[in-house]
C-alpha atoms as a PDB file:
ATOM      1  CA  UNK A   1     -10.095  -4.530  -0.130  1.00  0.00           C
ATOM      2  CA  UNK A   2      -8.579  -7.501  -1.178  1.00  0.00           C
ATOM      3  CA  UNK A   3      -5.443  -7.624   1.239  1.00  0.00           C
ATOM      4  CA  UNK A   4      -7.375  -8.154   4.325  1.00  0.00           C
ATOM      5  CA  UNK A   5      -7.882 -11.574   3.673  1.00  0.00           C
ATOM      6  CA  UNK A   6      -3.824 -12.648   4.064  1.00  0.00           C
ATOM      7  CA  UNK A   7      -1.531 -11.508   7.111  1.00  0.00           C
ATOM      8  CA  UNK A   8       2.120 -12.210   5.796  1.00  0.00           C
ATOM      9  CA  UNK A   9       2.246 -10.073   2.674  1.00  0.00           C
ATOM     10  CA  UNK A  10       6.044 -11.394   1.484  1.00  0.00           C
ATOM     11  CA  UNK A  11       5.034 -13.844  -1.103  1.00  0.00           C
ATOM     12  CA  UNK A  12       2.297 -12.135  -3.052  1.00  0.00           C
ATOM     13  CA  UNK A  13       4.350  -9.001  -2.789  1.00  0.00           C
ATOM     14  CA  UNK A  14       7.325 -10.783  -4.471  1.00  0.00           C
ATOM     15  CA  UNK A  15       5.417 -12.278  -7.473  1.00  0.00           C
ATOM     16  CA  UNK A  16       3.992  -8.984  -8.024  1.00  0.00           C
ATOM     17  CA  UNK A  17       7.360  -7.590  -8.851  1.00  0.00           C
ATOM     18  CA  UNK A  18       7.478 -10.634 -11.129  1.00  0.00           C
ATOM     19  CA  UNK A  19       5.129  -9.732 -12.807  1.00  0.00           C
ATOM     20  CA  UNK A  20       5.541  -6.352 -12.991  1.00  0.00           C
ATOM     21  CA  UNK A  21       8.879  -7.261 -14.786  1.00  0.00           C
ATOM     22  CA  UNK A  22      10.772  -3.721 -13.980  1.00  0.00           C
ATOM     23  CA  UNK A  23      13.387  -1.876 -15.877  1.00  0.00           C
ATOM     24  CA  UNK A  24      14.061   0.839 -17.098  1.00  0.00           C
ATOM     25  CA  UNK A  25      11.827   1.471 -19.687  1.00  0.00           C
ATOM     26  CA  UNK A  26       8.675  -0.140 -17.733  1.00  0.00           C
ATOM     27  CA  UNK A  27       7.150   1.412 -14.973  1.00  0.00           C
ATOM     28  CA  UNK A  28       5.218  -0.578 -12.945  1.00  0.00           C
ATOM     29  CA  UNK A  29       2.463   1.085 -10.072  1.00  0.00           C
ATOM     30  CA  UNK A  30       1.030  -0.612  -7.157  1.00  0.00           C
ATOM     31  CA  UNK A  31      -1.785   0.924  -5.673  1.00  0.00           C
ATOM     32  CA  UNK A  32      -3.708  -0.698  -2.985  1.00  0.00           C
ATOM     33  CA  UNK A  33      -5.743  -0.221   0.302  1.00  0.00           C
ATOM     34  CA  UNK A  34      -5.488  -2.158   3.692  1.00  0.00           C
ATOM     35  CA  UNK A  35      -6.327  -2.506   6.891  1.00  0.00           C
ATOM     36  CA  UNK A  36      -4.222  -0.272   9.585  1.00  0.00           C
ATOM     37  CA  UNK A  37      -2.555  -1.834  12.931  1.00  0.00           C
ATOM     38  CA  UNK A  38      -0.310   0.428  14.977  1.00  0.00           C
ATOM     39  CA  UNK A  39       3.516  -0.290  14.440  1.00  0.00           C
ATOM     40  CA  UNK A  40       3.991  -1.843  18.188  1.00  0.00           C
ATOM     41  CA  UNK A  41       0.848  -4.048  17.878  1.00  0.00           C
ATOM     42  CA  UNK A  42       3.629  -7.120  17.698  1.00  0.00           C
ATOM     43  CA  UNK A  43       6.360  -7.759  16.046  1.00  0.00           C
ATOM     44  CA  UNK A  44       5.207  -9.179  12.539  1.00  0.00           C
ATOM     45  CA  UNK A  45       4.143  -6.111  11.583  1.00  0.00           C
ATOM     46  CA  UNK A  46       0.627  -8.223  10.588  1.00  0.00           C
ATOM     47  CA  UNK A  47      -2.149  -8.932  13.007  1.00  0.00           C
ATOM     48  CA  UNK A  48      -5.450 -11.052  12.891  1.00  0.00           C
ATOM     49  CA  UNK A  49      -8.119  -8.673  14.058  1.00  0.00           C
ATOM     50  CA  UNK A  50     -11.516  -9.681  15.634  1.00  0.00           C
ATOM     51  CA  UNK A  51     -13.065  -8.589  12.421  1.00  0.00           C
ATOM     52  CA  UNK A  52     -11.580 -12.246  10.917  1.00  0.00           C
ATOM     53  CA  UNK A  53      -9.509  -9.124   8.436  1.00  0.00           C
ATOM     54  CA  UNK A  54      -6.037  -8.944   8.544  1.00  0.00           C
ATOM     55  CA  UNK A  55      -4.438  -5.436   9.818  1.00  0.00           C
ATOM     56  CA  UNK A  56      -1.088  -4.248   8.630  1.00  0.00           C
ATOM     57  CA  UNK A  57       1.149  -1.890   9.823  1.00  0.00           C
ATOM     58  CA  UNK A  58       2.258   1.091   7.534  1.00  0.00           C
ATOM     59  CA  UNK A  59       6.409   0.074   8.502  1.00  0.00           C
ATOM     60  CA  UNK A  60       5.441  -3.545   7.450  1.00  0.00           C
ATOM     61  CA  UNK A  61       4.363  -2.361   4.128  1.00  0.00           C
ATOM     62  CA  UNK A  62       6.757  -0.298   3.749  1.00  0.00           C
ATOM     63  CA  UNK A  63       9.632  -1.975   4.674  1.00  0.00           C
ATOM     64  CA  UNK A  64       8.414  -5.483   2.645  1.00  0.00           C
ATOM     65  CA  UNK A  65       7.955  -3.391  -1.108  1.00  0.00           C
ATOM     66  CA  UNK A  66      10.918  -1.358  -0.750  1.00  0.00           C
ATOM     67  CA  UNK A  67      13.248  -4.250   0.009  1.00  0.00           C
ATOM     68  CA  UNK A  68      12.164  -5.718  -3.318  1.00  0.00           C
ATOM     69  CA  UNK A  69      12.801  -2.480  -4.602  1.00  0.00           C
ATOM     70  CA  UNK A  70       9.942  -0.090  -4.530  1.00  0.00           C
ATOM     71  CA  UNK A  71       9.527   3.409  -3.789  1.00  0.00           C
ATOM     72  CA  UNK A  72       6.740   4.569  -1.707  1.00  0.00           C
ATOM     73  CA  UNK A  73       5.174   7.483  -3.676  1.00  0.00           C
ATOM     74  CA  UNK A  74       2.455   8.172  -1.849  1.00  0.00           C
ATOM     75  CA  UNK A  75       0.449   7.392   1.256  1.00  0.00           C
ATOM     76  CA  UNK A  76      -2.882   8.579   3.152  1.00  0.00           C
ATOM     77  CA  UNK A  77      -4.941   7.063   5.847  1.00  0.00           C
ATOM     78  CA  UNK A  78      -8.132   6.026   4.722  1.00  0.00           C
ATOM     79  CA  UNK A  79     -11.763   5.240   6.137  1.00  0.00           C
ATOM     80  CA  UNK A  80     -12.169   2.179   3.202  1.00  0.00           C
ATOM     81  CA  UNK A  81     -15.212   1.102   5.475  1.00  0.00           C
ATOM     82  CA  UNK A  82     -17.120   1.156   8.041  1.00  0.00           C
ATOM     83  CA  UNK A  83     -18.104  -1.811  10.561  1.00  0.00           C
ATOM     84  CA  UNK A  84     -21.078  -1.860  12.554  1.00  0.00           C
ATOM     85  CA  UNK A  85     -21.689   2.032  12.318  1.00  0.00           C
ATOM     86  CA  UNK A  86     -17.879   2.434  13.466  1.00  0.00           C
ATOM     87  CA  UNK A  87     -15.212   3.535  10.869  1.00  0.00           C
ATOM     88  CA  UNK A  88     -12.585   1.206   9.925  1.00  0.00           C
ATOM     89  CA  UNK A  89      -8.738   2.697  10.601  1.00  0.00           C
ATOM     90  CA  UNK A  90      -6.890   2.149   6.813  1.00  0.00           C
ATOM     91  CA  UNK A  91      -4.261   3.147   4.700  1.00  0.00           C
ATOM     92  CA  UNK A  92      -3.702   3.757   0.911  1.00  0.00           C
ATOM     93  CA  UNK A  93      -0.681   3.134  -1.341  1.00  0.00           C
ATOM     94  CA  UNK A  94       1.254   3.748  -3.974  1.00  0.00           C
ATOM     95  CA  UNK A  95       4.598   2.302  -5.046  1.00  0.00           C
ATOM     96  CA  UNK A  96       5.917   2.458  -8.072  1.00  0.00           C
ATOM     97  CA  UNK A  97       8.816   0.203  -9.622  1.00  0.00           C
ATOM     98  CA  UNK A  98      11.423   0.234 -12.504  1.00  0.00           C
ATOM     99  CA  UNK A  99      11.488   2.987 -14.654  1.00  0.00           C
ATOM    100  CA  UNK A 100       8.630   4.614 -12.071  1.00  0.00           C
ATOM    101  CA  UNK A 101       9.359   8.168 -11.526  1.00  0.00           C
ATOM    102  CA  UNK A 102       8.034   9.578  -8.562  1.00  0.00           C
ATOM    103  CA  UNK A 103       7.808  13.218  -9.968  1.00  0.00           C
ATOM    104  CA  UNK A 104       6.112  12.605 -13.293  1.00  0.00           C
ATOM    105  CA  UNK A 105       3.655  10.183 -11.461  1.00  0.00           C
ATOM    106  CA  UNK A 106       2.245  12.817  -8.953  1.00  0.00           C
ATOM    107  CA  UNK A 107       2.163  15.241 -11.853  1.00  0.00           C
ATOM    108  CA  UNK A 108      -0.053  12.749 -13.964  1.00  0.00           C
ATOM    109  CA  UNK A 109      -2.127  12.312 -10.764  1.00  0.00           C
ATOM    110  CA  UNK A 110      -2.571  15.905  -9.791  1.00  0.00           C
ATOM    111  CA  UNK A 111      -3.990  16.377 -13.430  1.00  0.00           C
ATOM    112  CA  UNK A 112      -6.443  13.674 -13.274  1.00  0.00           C
ATOM    113  CA  UNK A 113      -7.648  14.576  -9.275  1.00  0.00           C
ATOM    114  CA  UNK A 114      -6.072  17.712  -9.188  1.00  0.00           C
ATOM    115  CA  UNK A 115      -5.656  19.296  -5.522  1.00  0.00           C
ATOM    116  CA  UNK A 116      -7.654  16.312  -3.440  1.00  0.00           C
ATOM    117  CA  UNK A 117      -4.435  14.681  -4.480  1.00  0.00           C
ATOM    118  CA  UNK A 118      -1.725  16.871  -2.409  1.00  0.00           C
ATOM    119  CA  UNK A 119      -2.102  14.419   0.914  1.00  0.00           C
ATOM    120  CA  UNK A 120      -2.087  11.414  -1.302  1.00  0.00           C
END
């Protein structure tokens, strides 16, 4: 629950790609969650919420990372926490870059977590 403190994630994502050093032999994964806003909230794809945290749309996240060459490997809508007794809408993503193989990653996740990753 770190990305809720940053609005525009493009510089962060670009820096992560540099650190990942993607290549055919080197697989890198980026697993994270953030608060969810609907795509129609604004043109930017992110918004400062009344909680003082930022929410991001699924489309914004996917477009920003796919532009850098990341492949979306899994997505799930989640409830990262409760605020004032109410569920906070969130989403969790898994992206890969470089030699990352979505099928291989999925098989590994399934081996570790079993059927609970079917929706992930």
